Amino acid sequence: MRIVVPHGAEADAVRGVIPHAAIVAPGAASGASLPAFAAGETALVLGLCGALSQLSVGDVTIYARVRDTARRFELDARLVEALQSALPGASVVTACTTRRVITRVEAREALAQRFEAQVVDMEGTHLAAELAARGVRCAMVRVVSDDASHNLPPIENAIGPDGRLRPLYLALAFARAPRNAVRFVRDVRSALTTLTETARTVAAL
């Protein structure tokens, strides 16, 4: 099974235990940056996600399906079942993919209703579409890095259309909401620790 993870802190967390994990660009650019896959290979996407419902920071999720405004992908049921056995504490969820980080509680509530989803990310449908086009079976496991009960700092523009982090936008967002920024950084660090542990568990699959 080939491990795929978005560039940045998520990749750092996973590559500590899976050195040869494939790294893709965050966001919409992720599909375009996928490496070549051999015929018959299987992909497991690891990373972080945001909660839209009652999930908490550090909860591990296994995607059953992922949606956006135009597409819906059912992920490989046999892989989902195998992951449930390997990660018995994980929640099987429906995910939705958006172009930007969702920072407001009310926006998360709207997404949950619109897509009947429990989590949100920025790569899911892009990766699912590209992997399906290549005939690659795939599954996705993500750790919740922020819950739905409070607003994040206003980091909507901190990741550009090319998937790259914009440090100035991030610094300005943190300066505008310092308390939320402290919580956000703490929660992400906690989620990354869980992501490393999860990568270690699934590495042998």
C-alpha atoms as a PDB file:
ATOM      1  CA  MET A   1       0.000   0.000   0.000  1.00  0.00           C
ATOM      2  CA  ARG A   2       1.421   3.402  -1.022  1.00  0.00           C
ATOM      3  CA  ILE A   3       1.044   6.173   1.554  1.00  0.00           C
ATOM      4  CA  VAL A   4       0.170   9.660   0.280  1.00  0.00           C
ATOM      5  CA  VAL A   5       0.274  12.771   2.482  1.00  0.00           C
ATOM      6  CA  PRO A   6      -0.024  16.549   1.894  1.00  0.00           C
ATOM      7  CA  HIS A   7       3.169  18.599   1.987  1.00  0.00           C
ATOM      8  CA  GLY A   8       4.069  20.444   5.171  1.00  0.00           C
ATOM      9  CA  ALA A   9       3.537  19.516   8.803  1.00  0.00           C
ATOM     10  CA  GLU A  10       1.374  16.508   7.870  1.00  0.00           C
ATOM     11  CA  ALA A  11       4.164  15.098   5.703  1.00  0.00           C
ATOM     12  CA  ASP A  12       6.704  15.692   8.466  1.00  0.00           C
ATOM     13  CA  ALA A  13       4.505  13.800  10.943  1.00  0.00           C
ATOM     14  CA  VAL A  14       4.022  10.828   8.627  1.00  0.00           C
ATOM     15  CA  ARG A  15       7.509  10.605   7.149  1.00  0.00           C
ATOM     16  CA  GLY A  16       8.941  10.225  10.626  1.00  0.00           C
ATOM     17  CA  VAL A  17       7.622   6.649  10.555  1.00  0.00           C
ATOM     18  CA  ILE A  18       7.056   6.103   6.807  1.00  0.00           C
ATOM     19  CA  PRO A  19      10.098   7.707   5.146  1.00  0.00           C
ATOM     20  CA  HIS A  20       9.031   6.871   1.592  1.00  0.00           C
ATOM     21  CA  ALA A  21       5.489   8.282   1.803  1.00  0.00           C
ATOM     22  CA  ALA A  22       4.557  10.187  -1.356  1.00  0.00           C
ATOM     23  CA  ILE A  23       4.104  13.912  -0.765  1.00  0.00           C
ATOM     24  CA  VAL A  24       1.531  15.962  -2.688  1.00  0.00           C
ATOM     25  CA  ALA A  25       0.705  19.651  -2.717  1.00  0.00           C
ATOM     26  CA  PRO A  26      -1.989  20.775  -0.276  1.00  0.00           C
ATOM     27  CA  GLY A  27      -5.408  21.806  -1.549  1.00  0.00           C
ATOM     28  CA  ALA A  28      -6.632  21.664  -5.130  1.00  0.00           C
ATOM     29  CA  ALA A  29      -3.093  21.218  -6.475  1.00  0.00           C
ATOM     30  CA  SER A  30      -2.795  17.828  -4.745  1.00  0.00           C
ATOM     31  CA  GLY A  31      -4.127  15.725  -7.615  1.00  0.00           C
ATOM     32  CA  ALA A  32      -1.813  17.323 -10.141  1.00  0.00           C
ATOM     33  CA  SER A  33       1.225  16.611  -7.957  1.00  0.00           C
ATOM     34  CA  LEU A  34       0.588  12.881  -7.467  1.00  0.00           C
ATOM     35  CA  PRO A  35       3.543  10.663  -8.359  1.00  0.00           C
ATOM     36  CA  ALA A  36       3.302   7.772 -10.786  1.00  0.00           C
ATOM     37  CA  PHE A  37       1.614   4.591  -9.572  1.00  0.00           C
ATOM     38  CA  ALA A  38       2.264   1.069 -10.793  1.00  0.00           C
ATOM     39  CA  ALA A  39      -0.637  -0.974 -12.095  1.00  0.00           C
ATOM     40  CA  GLY A  40      -2.578  -2.567  -9.267  1.00  0.00           C
ATOM     41  CA  GLU A  41      -1.129  -0.353  -6.535  1.00  0.00           C
ATOM     42  CA  THR A  42      -3.244   0.794  -3.617  1.00  0.00           C
ATOM     43  CA  ALA A  43      -3.087   4.284  -2.095  1.00  0.00           C
ATOM     44  CA  LEU A  44      -3.794   5.329   1.479  1.00  0.00           C
ATOM     45  CA  VAL A  45      -4.105   9.080   1.985  1.00  0.00           C
ATOM     46  CA  LEU A  46      -3.167  10.279   5.476  1.00  0.00           C
ATOM     47  CA  GLY A  47      -3.557  13.784   6.872  1.00  0.00           C
ATOM     48  CA  LEU A  48      -5.627  16.160   8.976  1.00  0.00           C
ATOM     49  CA  CYS A  49      -9.230  17.309   8.676  1.00  0.00           C
ATOM     50  CA  GLY A  50     -11.682  19.636  10.394  1.00  0.00           C
ATOM     51  CA  ALA A  51     -14.785  18.435  12.200  1.00  0.00           C
ATOM     52  CA  LEU A  52     -18.264  19.479  11.124  1.00  0.00           C
ATOM     53  CA  SER A  53     -20.102  17.628  13.876  1.00  0.00           C
ATOM     54  CA  GLN A  54     -19.437  16.167  17.309  1.00  0.00           C
ATOM     55  CA  LEU A  55     -15.961  14.826  16.600  1.00  0.00           C
ATOM     56  CA  SER A  56     -13.118  16.104  18.777  1.00  0.00           C
ATOM     57  CA  VAL A  57      -9.509  17.087  18.200  1.00  0.00           C
ATOM     58  CA  GLY A  58      -7.395  13.940  17.867  1.00  0.00           C
ATOM     59  CA  ASP A  59     -10.236  11.703  16.681  1.00  0.00           C
ATOM     60  CA  VAL A  60      -9.208   9.397  13.845  1.00  0.00           C
ATOM     61  CA  THR A  61     -11.556   9.160  10.861  1.00  0.00           C
ATOM     62  CA  ILE A  62     -11.811   6.694   7.995  1.00  0.00           C
ATOM     63  CA  TYR A  63     -13.518   8.084   4.912  1.00  0.00           C
ATOM     64  CA  ALA A  64     -16.321   6.001   3.451  1.00  0.00           C
ATOM     65  CA  ARG A  65     -16.975   8.671   0.825  1.00  0.00           C
ATOM     66  CA  VAL A  66     -15.890  12.198  -0.057  1.00  0.00           C
ATOM     67  CA  ARG A  67     -17.875  14.914  -1.859  1.00  0.00           C
ATOM     68  CA  ASP A  68     -17.671  18.437  -3.192  1.00  0.00           C
ATOM     69  CA  THR A  69     -20.084  20.633  -5.112  1.00  0.00           C
ATOM     70  CA  ALA A  70     -19.673  18.627  -8.325  1.00  0.00           C
ATOM     71  CA  ARG A  71     -18.381  15.162  -7.407  1.00  0.00           C
ATOM     72  CA  ARG A  72     -18.977  12.226  -5.075  1.00  0.00           C
ATOM     73  CA  PHE A  73     -16.599   9.320  -4.590  1.00  0.00           C
ATOM     74  CA  GLU A  74     -17.263   6.091  -2.727  1.00  0.00           C
ATOM     75  CA  LEU A  75     -13.949   4.821  -1.420  1.00  0.00           C
ATOM     76  CA  ASP A  76     -12.904   1.178  -1.578  1.00  0.00           C
ATOM     77  CA  ALA A  77     -15.154  -0.729   0.846  1.00  0.00           C
ATOM     78  CA  ARG A  78     -12.646  -3.528   1.429  1.00  0.00           C
ATOM     79  CA  LEU A  79      -9.966  -1.042   2.380  1.00  0.00           C
ATOM     80  CA  VAL A  80     -12.386   0.738   4.712  1.00  0.00           C
ATOM     81  CA  GLU A  81     -13.142  -2.574   6.400  1.00  0.00           C
ATOM     82  CA  ALA A  82      -9.446  -3.406   6.770  1.00  0.00           C
ATOM     83  CA  LEU A  83      -8.772   0.005   8.267  1.00  0.00           C
ATOM     84  CA  GLN A  84     -11.610  -0.419  10.746  1.00  0.00           C
ATOM     85  CA  SER A  85      -9.934  -3.591  11.972  1.00  0.00           C
ATOM     86  CA  ALA A  86      -6.555  -1.878  12.254  1.00  0.00           C
ATOM     87  CA  LEU A  87      -7.993   1.295  13.838  1.00  0.00           C
ATOM     88  CA  PRO A  88     -10.888   0.090  16.024  1.00  0.00           C
ATOM     89  CA  GLY A  89     -11.339   3.482  17.679  1.00  0.00           C
ATOM     90  CA  ALA A  90     -11.726   5.354  14.395  1.00  0.00           C
ATOM     91  CA  SER A  91     -15.013   6.775  13.076  1.00  0.00           C
ATOM     92  CA  VAL A  92     -16.184   5.978   9.547  1.00  0.00           C
ATOM     93  CA  VAL A  93     -17.349   9.265   8.022  1.00  0.00           C
ATOM     94  CA  THR A  94     -18.541  11.152   4.991  1.00  0.00           C
ATOM     95  CA  ALA A  95     -16.159  13.994   4.120  1.00  0.00           C
ATOM     96  CA  CYS A  96     -16.494  17.091   1.993  1.00  0.00           C
ATOM     97  CA  THR A  97     -13.751  19.027   0.231  1.00  0.00           C
ATOM     98  CA  THR A  98     -13.557  22.825   0.035  1.00  0.00           C
ATOM     99  CA  ARG A  99     -11.188  25.319  -1.572  1.00  0.00           C
ATOM    100  CA  ARG A 100     -10.369  27.142   1.649  1.00  0.00           C
ATOM    101  CA  VAL A 101     -10.005  26.447   5.335  1.00  0.00           C
ATOM    102  CA  ILE A 102     -13.426  26.732   6.997  1.00  0.00           C
ATOM    103  CA  THR A 103     -12.968  28.975  10.022  1.00  0.00           C
ATOM    104  CA  ARG A 104     -16.471  29.902  11.189  1.00  0.00           C
ATOM    105  CA  VAL A 105     -18.803  27.699  13.218  1.00  0.00           C
ATOM    106  CA  GLU A 106     -21.835  28.677  11.158  1.00  0.00           C
ATOM    107  CA  ALA A 107     -20.054  27.806   7.908  1.00  0.00           C
ATOM    108  CA  ARG A 108     -19.249  24.351   9.270  1.00  0.00           C
ATOM    109  CA  GLU A 109     -22.874  23.822  10.210  1.00  0.00           C
ATOM    110  CA  ALA A 110     -23.931  24.754   6.678  1.00  0.00           C
ATOM    111  CA  LEU A 111     -21.439  22.307   5.143  1.00  0.00           C
ATOM    112  CA  ALA A 112     -22.574  19.510   7.432  1.00  0.00           C
ATOM    113  CA  GLN A 113     -26.158  19.973   6.287  1.00  0.00           C
ATOM    114  CA  ARG A 114     -25.373  20.497   2.616  1.00  0.00           C
ATOM    115  CA  PHE A 115     -23.137  17.445   2.198  1.00  0.00           C
ATOM    116  CA  GLU A 116     -24.396  15.280   5.092  1.00  0.00           C
ATOM    117  CA  ALA A 117     -20.744  15.206   6.108  1.00  0.00           C
ATOM    118  CA  GLN A 118     -18.926  14.931   9.414  1.00  0.00           C
ATOM    119  CA  VAL A 119     -15.505  16.313   8.368  1.00  0.00           C
ATOM    120  CA  VAL A 120     -13.978  18.717   5.857  1.00  0.00           C
ATOM    121  CA  ASP A 121     -10.626  18.834   4.069  1.00  0.00           C
ATOM    122  CA  MET A 122      -8.987  20.534   1.079  1.00  0.00           C
ATOM    123  CA  GLU A 123      -7.652  17.541  -0.871  1.00  0.00           C
ATOM    124  CA  GLY A 124     -10.078  14.625  -0.682  1.00  0.00           C
ATOM    125  CA  THR A 125     -12.028  14.849  -3.930  1.00  0.00           C
ATOM    126  CA  HIS A 126      -9.030  16.051  -5.937  1.00  0.00           C
ATOM    127  CA  LEU A 127      -6.980  13.034  -4.883  1.00  0.00           C
ATOM    128  CA  ALA A 128      -9.910  10.627  -5.231  1.00  0.00           C
ATOM    129  CA  ALA A 129     -10.585  11.829  -8.783  1.00  0.00           C
ATOM    130  CA  GLU A 130      -6.972  11.530  -9.908  1.00  0.00           C
ATOM    131  CA  LEU A 131      -6.447   8.127  -8.296  1.00  0.00           C
ATOM    132  CA  ALA A 132      -9.679   6.803  -9.807  1.00  0.00           C
ATOM    133  CA  ALA A 133      -8.589   8.051 -13.234  1.00  0.00           C
ATOM    134  CA  ARG A 134      -5.385   6.025 -12.847  1.00  0.00           C
ATOM    135  CA  GLY A 135      -7.249   2.910 -11.734  1.00  0.00           C
ATOM    136  CA  VAL A 136      -5.740   3.041  -8.248  1.00  0.00           C
ATOM    137  CA  ARG A 137      -7.763   1.733  -5.283  1.00  0.00           C
ATOM    138  CA  CYS A 138      -7.681   4.232  -2.463  1.00  0.00           C
ATOM    139  CA  ALA A 139      -8.657   4.870   1.121  1.00  0.00           C
ATOM    140  CA  MET A 140      -8.333   7.941   3.301  1.00  0.00           C
ATOM    141  CA  VAL A 141      -7.578   8.271   7.012  1.00  0.00           C
ATOM    142  CA  ARG A 142      -7.481  11.696   8.628  1.00  0.00           C
ATOM    143  CA  VAL A 143      -7.107  13.019  12.144  1.00  0.00           C
ATOM    144  CA  VAL A 144      -9.340  15.853  13.384  1.00  0.00           C
ATOM    145  CA  SER A 145      -7.242  18.968  14.038  1.00  0.00           C
ATOM    146  CA  ASP A 146     -10.054  21.389  14.899  1.00  0.00           C
ATOM    147  CA  ASP A 147     -13.566  20.798  16.186  1.00  0.00           C
ATOM    148  CA  ALA A 148     -16.832  22.448  15.248  1.00  0.00           C
ATOM    149  CA  SER A 149     -17.509  24.214  18.541  1.00  0.00           C
ATOM    150  CA  HIS A 150     -15.403  27.340  18.079  1.00  0.00           C
ATOM    151  CA  ASN A 151     -14.055  29.651  15.374  1.00  0.00           C
ATOM    152  CA  LEU A 152     -10.526  29.357  14.051  1.00  0.00           C
ATOM    153  CA  PRO A 153      -8.320  32.396  13.493  1.00  0.00           C
ATOM    154  CA  PRO A 154      -9.201  33.966  10.092  1.00  0.00           C
ATOM    155  CA  ILE A 155      -6.768  31.869   8.045  1.00  0.00           C
ATOM    156  CA  GLU A 156      -8.983  31.463   4.969  1.00  0.00           C
ATOM    157  CA  ASN A 157      -6.352  33.037   2.710  1.00  0.00           C
ATOM    158  CA  ALA A 158      -3.300  31.491   4.371  1.00  0.00           C
ATOM    159  CA  ILE A 159      -3.120  28.751   1.709  1.00  0.00           C
ATOM    160  CA  GLY A 160      -2.915  29.999  -1.864  1.00  0.00           C
ATOM    161  CA  PRO A 161      -4.526  28.502  -4.992  1.00  0.00           C
ATOM    162  CA  ASP A 162      -1.277  26.632  -5.672  1.00  0.00           C
ATOM    163  CA  GLY A 163      -1.472  24.939  -2.281  1.00  0.00           C
ATOM    164  CA  ARG A 164       1.428  26.882  -0.802  1.00  0.00           C
ATOM    165  CA  LEU A 165       1.329  28.418   2.664  1.00  0.00           C
ATOM    166  CA  ARG A 166       1.301  32.227   2.753  1.00  0.00           C
ATOM    167  CA  PRO A 167       3.250  33.134   5.915  1.00  0.00           C
ATOM    168  CA  LEU A 168       2.217  36.806   5.916  1.00  0.00           C
ATOM    169  CA  TYR A 169      -1.496  35.969   5.741  1.00  0.00           C
ATOM    170  CA  LEU A 170      -1.019  33.426   8.514  1.00  0.00           C
ATOM    171  CA  ALA A 171       0.791  35.917  10.752  1.00  0.00           C
ATOM    172  CA  LEU A 172      -1.886  38.564  10.188  1.00  0.00           C
ATOM    173  CA  ALA A 173      -4.652  36.070  10.974  1.00  0.00           C
ATOM    174  CA  PHE A 174      -2.950  35.063  14.226  1.00  0.00           C
ATOM    175  CA  ALA A 175      -2.481  38.701  15.198  1.00  0.00           C
ATOM    176  CA  ARG A 176      -6.188  39.396  14.649  1.00  0.00           C
ATOM    177  CA  ALA A 177      -7.339  36.513  16.871  1.00  0.00           C
ATOM    178  CA  PRO A 178      -4.499  35.621  19.270  1.00  0.00           C
ATOM    179  CA  ARG A 179      -6.557  33.462  21.645  1.00  0.00           C
ATOM    180  CA  ASN A 180      -8.003  31.419  18.819  1.00  0.00           C
ATOM    181  CA  ALA A 181      -4.522  31.180  17.316  1.00  0.00           C
ATOM    182  CA  VAL A 182      -3.081  29.711  20.527  1.00  0.00           C
ATOM    183  CA  ARG A 183      -5.831  27.089  20.621  1.00  0.00           C
ATOM    184  CA  PHE A 184      -5.425  26.346  16.926  1.00  0.00           C
ATOM    185  CA  VAL A 185      -1.658  25.765  17.226  1.00  0.00           C
ATOM    186  CA  ARG A 186      -2.118  23.593  20.318  1.00  0.00           C
ATOM    187  CA  ASP A 187      -4.810  21.489  18.656  1.00  0.00           C
ATOM    188  CA  VAL A 188      -2.843  21.023  15.433  1.00  0.00           C
ATOM    189  CA  ARG A 189       0.209  19.878  17.363  1.00  0.00           C
ATOM    190  CA  SER A 190      -1.901  17.363  19.267  1.00  0.00           C
ATOM    191  CA  ALA A 191      -3.490  16.100  16.048  1.00  0.00           C
ATOM    192  CA  LEU A 192      -0.086  15.730  14.383  1.00  0.00           C
ATOM    193  CA  THR A 193       1.087  13.543  17.267  1.00  0.00           C
ATOM    194  CA  THR A 194      -1.942  11.311  16.712  1.00  0.00           C
ATOM    195  CA  LEU A 195      -1.281  11.326  12.972  1.00  0.00           C
ATOM    196  CA  THR A 196       2.224   9.974  13.593  1.00  0.00           C
ATOM    197  CA  GLU A 197       0.819   7.223  15.821  1.00  0.00           C
ATOM    198  CA  THR A 198      -1.809   6.398  13.207  1.00  0.00           C
ATOM    199  CA  ALA A 199       0.817   6.233  10.448  1.00  0.00           C
ATOM    200  CA  ARG A 200       2.808   3.784  12.559  1.00  0.00           C
ATOM    201  CA  THR A 201      -0.282   1.579  12.961  1.00  0.00           C
ATOM    202  CA  VAL A 202      -1.207   1.480   9.272  1.00  0.00           C
ATOM    203  CA  ALA A 203       2.364   1.186   7.967  1.00  0.00           C
ATOM    204  CA  ALA A 204       2.189  -2.604   8.083  1.00  0.00           C
ATOM    205  CA  LEU A 205      -1.081  -2.943   6.179  1.00  0.00           C
END
